[in-house]
Amino acid sequence: MGSTIGFNWGYSGSGPSQLALALVADALGDDDRAQEHYQSFKFKVISRLEGDRFELSEDGIRKTVAALEAERGRGR
């Protein structure tokens, strides 16, 4: 997977996928977990962002991933 346009948000394409993967991997410090959850994070968070600016905290990203894991029945 790769984006030729770089990071993006507000829809569900390759740019938002790249952004979701980068944010989740950085926040978790765990590339395997990031690979497992970035698509769900993209649909739940990144694709819904609007405008030219947004702010996501590391803690917020971690909590969202934890909620995604809990939804799957695999809380950490």
C-alpha atoms as a PDB file:
ATOM      1  CA  MET A   1       0.000   0.000   0.000  1.00  0.00           C
ATOM      2  CA  GLY A   2       1.251   3.427  -0.790  1.00  0.00           C
ATOM      3  CA  SER A   3      -0.004   6.859  -1.601  1.00  0.00           C
ATOM      4  CA  THR A   4       1.364   8.893  -4.466  1.00  0.00           C
ATOM      5  CA  ILE A   5      -0.118  12.066  -2.968  1.00  0.00           C
ATOM      6  CA  GLY A   6       1.078  11.668   0.616  1.00  0.00           C
ATOM      7  CA  PHE A   7      -1.020  12.118   3.712  1.00  0.00           C
ATOM      8  CA  ASN A   8      -4.624  13.203   3.394  1.00  0.00           C
ATOM      9  CA  TRP A   9      -7.927  13.022   5.314  1.00  0.00           C
ATOM     10  CA  GLY A  10     -11.659  13.484   4.919  1.00  0.00           C
ATOM     11  CA  TYR A  11     -12.281  10.418   2.757  1.00  0.00           C
ATOM     12  CA  SER A  12     -11.243   6.748   2.663  1.00  0.00           C
ATOM     13  CA  GLY A  13      -8.463   6.628   0.068  1.00  0.00           C
ATOM     14  CA  SER A  14      -4.767   5.799   0.081  1.00  0.00           C
ATOM     15  CA  GLY A  15      -3.677   9.191   1.470  1.00  0.00           C
ATOM     16  CA  PRO A  16      -5.882   8.756   4.557  1.00  0.00           C
ATOM     17  CA  SER A  17      -4.634   5.164   4.889  1.00  0.00           C
ATOM     18  CA  GLN A  18      -1.045   6.386   5.004  1.00  0.00           C
ATOM     19  CA  LEU A  19      -1.924   9.036   7.591  1.00  0.00           C
ATOM     20  CA  ALA A  20      -3.832   6.559   9.763  1.00  0.00           C
ATOM     21  CA  LEU A  21      -0.981   4.046   9.666  1.00  0.00           C
ATOM     22  CA  ALA A  22       1.626   6.689  10.551  1.00  0.00           C
ATOM     23  CA  LEU A  23      -0.419   8.116  13.427  1.00  0.00           C
ATOM     24  CA  VAL A  24      -1.373   4.752  14.916  1.00  0.00           C
ATOM     25  CA  ALA A  25       2.155   3.319  14.587  1.00  0.00           C
ATOM     26  CA  ASP A  26       3.655   6.391  16.241  1.00  0.00           C
ATOM     27  CA  ALA A  27       1.104   6.519  19.073  1.00  0.00           C
ATOM     28  CA  LEU A  28       1.332   2.802  19.845  1.00  0.00           C
ATOM     29  CA  GLY A  29       5.024   2.270  19.187  1.00  0.00           C
ATOM     30  CA  ASP A  30       3.980  -1.125  17.826  1.00  0.00           C
ATOM     31  CA  ASP A  31       3.999  -1.623  14.067  1.00  0.00           C
ATOM     32  CA  ASP A  32       2.191  -4.979  14.233  1.00  0.00           C
ATOM     33  CA  ARG A  33      -0.733  -3.531  16.205  1.00  0.00           C
ATOM     34  CA  ALA A  34      -0.766  -0.524  13.908  1.00  0.00           C
ATOM     35  CA  GLN A  35      -1.048  -2.790  10.867  1.00  0.00           C
ATOM     36  CA  GLU A  36      -3.950  -4.561  12.539  1.00  0.00           C
ATOM     37  CA  HIS A  37      -5.941  -1.416  13.343  1.00  0.00           C
ATOM     38  CA  TYR A  38      -5.064   1.422  10.986  1.00  0.00           C
ATOM     39  CA  GLN A  39      -7.865   0.701   8.478  1.00  0.00           C
ATOM     40  CA  SER A  40     -10.512   0.763  11.207  1.00  0.00           C
ATOM     41  CA  PHE A  41      -8.916   3.925  12.627  1.00  0.00           C
ATOM     42  CA  LYS A  42      -9.043   5.466   9.152  1.00  0.00           C
ATOM     43  CA  PHE A  43     -12.769   4.769   8.805  1.00  0.00           C
ATOM     44  CA  LYS A  44     -13.621   5.812  12.379  1.00  0.00           C
ATOM     45  CA  VAL A  45     -11.448   8.948  12.603  1.00  0.00           C
ATOM     46  CA  ILE A  46      -9.408  10.037   9.595  1.00  0.00           C
ATOM     47  CA  SER A  47     -12.134   9.778   6.961  1.00  0.00           C
ATOM     48  CA  ARG A  48     -14.407  11.970   9.112  1.00  0.00           C
ATOM     49  CA  LEU A  49     -11.972  14.868   9.577  1.00  0.00           C
ATOM     50  CA  GLU A  50     -13.027  18.089   7.899  1.00  0.00           C
ATOM     51  CA  GLY A  51     -11.238  21.281   6.995  1.00  0.00           C
ATOM     52  CA  ASP A  52      -7.584  22.179   6.716  1.00  0.00           C
ATOM     53  CA  ARG A  53      -6.644  21.682  10.371  1.00  0.00           C
ATOM     54  CA  PHE A  54      -7.242  19.093  13.036  1.00  0.00           C
ATOM     55  CA  GLU A  55      -5.672  17.984  16.283  1.00  0.00           C
ATOM     56  CA  LEU A  56      -5.364  14.417  17.559  1.00  0.00           C
ATOM     57  CA  SER A  57      -3.602  13.564  20.785  1.00  0.00           C
ATOM     58  CA  GLU A  58      -1.468  10.493  21.273  1.00  0.00           C
ATOM     59  CA  ASP A  59      -3.682   9.542  24.206  1.00  0.00           C
ATOM     60  CA  GLY A  60      -6.804   9.956  22.067  1.00  0.00           C
ATOM     61  CA  ILE A  61      -5.360   7.742  19.347  1.00  0.00           C
ATOM     62  CA  ARG A  62      -4.466   5.074  21.911  1.00  0.00           C
ATOM     63  CA  LYS A  63      -7.965   5.221  23.419  1.00  0.00           C
ATOM     64  CA  THR A  64      -9.563   4.891  19.994  1.00  0.00           C
ATOM     65  CA  VAL A  65      -7.423   1.855  19.195  1.00  0.00           C
ATOM     66  CA  ALA A  66      -8.284   0.338  22.591  1.00  0.00           C
ATOM     67  CA  ALA A  67     -11.979   0.853  21.800  1.00  0.00           C
ATOM     68  CA  LEU A  68     -11.492  -0.799  18.401  1.00  0.00           C
ATOM     69  CA  GLU A  69      -9.807  -3.749  20.098  1.00  0.00           C
ATOM     70  CA  ALA A  70     -12.623  -3.980  22.637  1.00  0.00           C
ATOM     71  CA  GLU A  71     -15.189  -3.976  19.826  1.00  0.00           C
ATOM     72  CA  ARG A  72     -13.336  -6.947  18.376  1.00  0.00           C
ATOM     73  CA  GLY A  73     -13.284  -8.616  21.800  1.00  0.00           C
ATOM     74  CA  ARG A  74      -9.535  -8.312  22.180  1.00  0.00           C
ATOM     75  CA  GLY A  75      -8.964  -5.520  24.655  1.00  0.00           C
ATOM     76  CA  ARG A  76      -5.410  -4.792  25.789  1.00  0.00           C
END
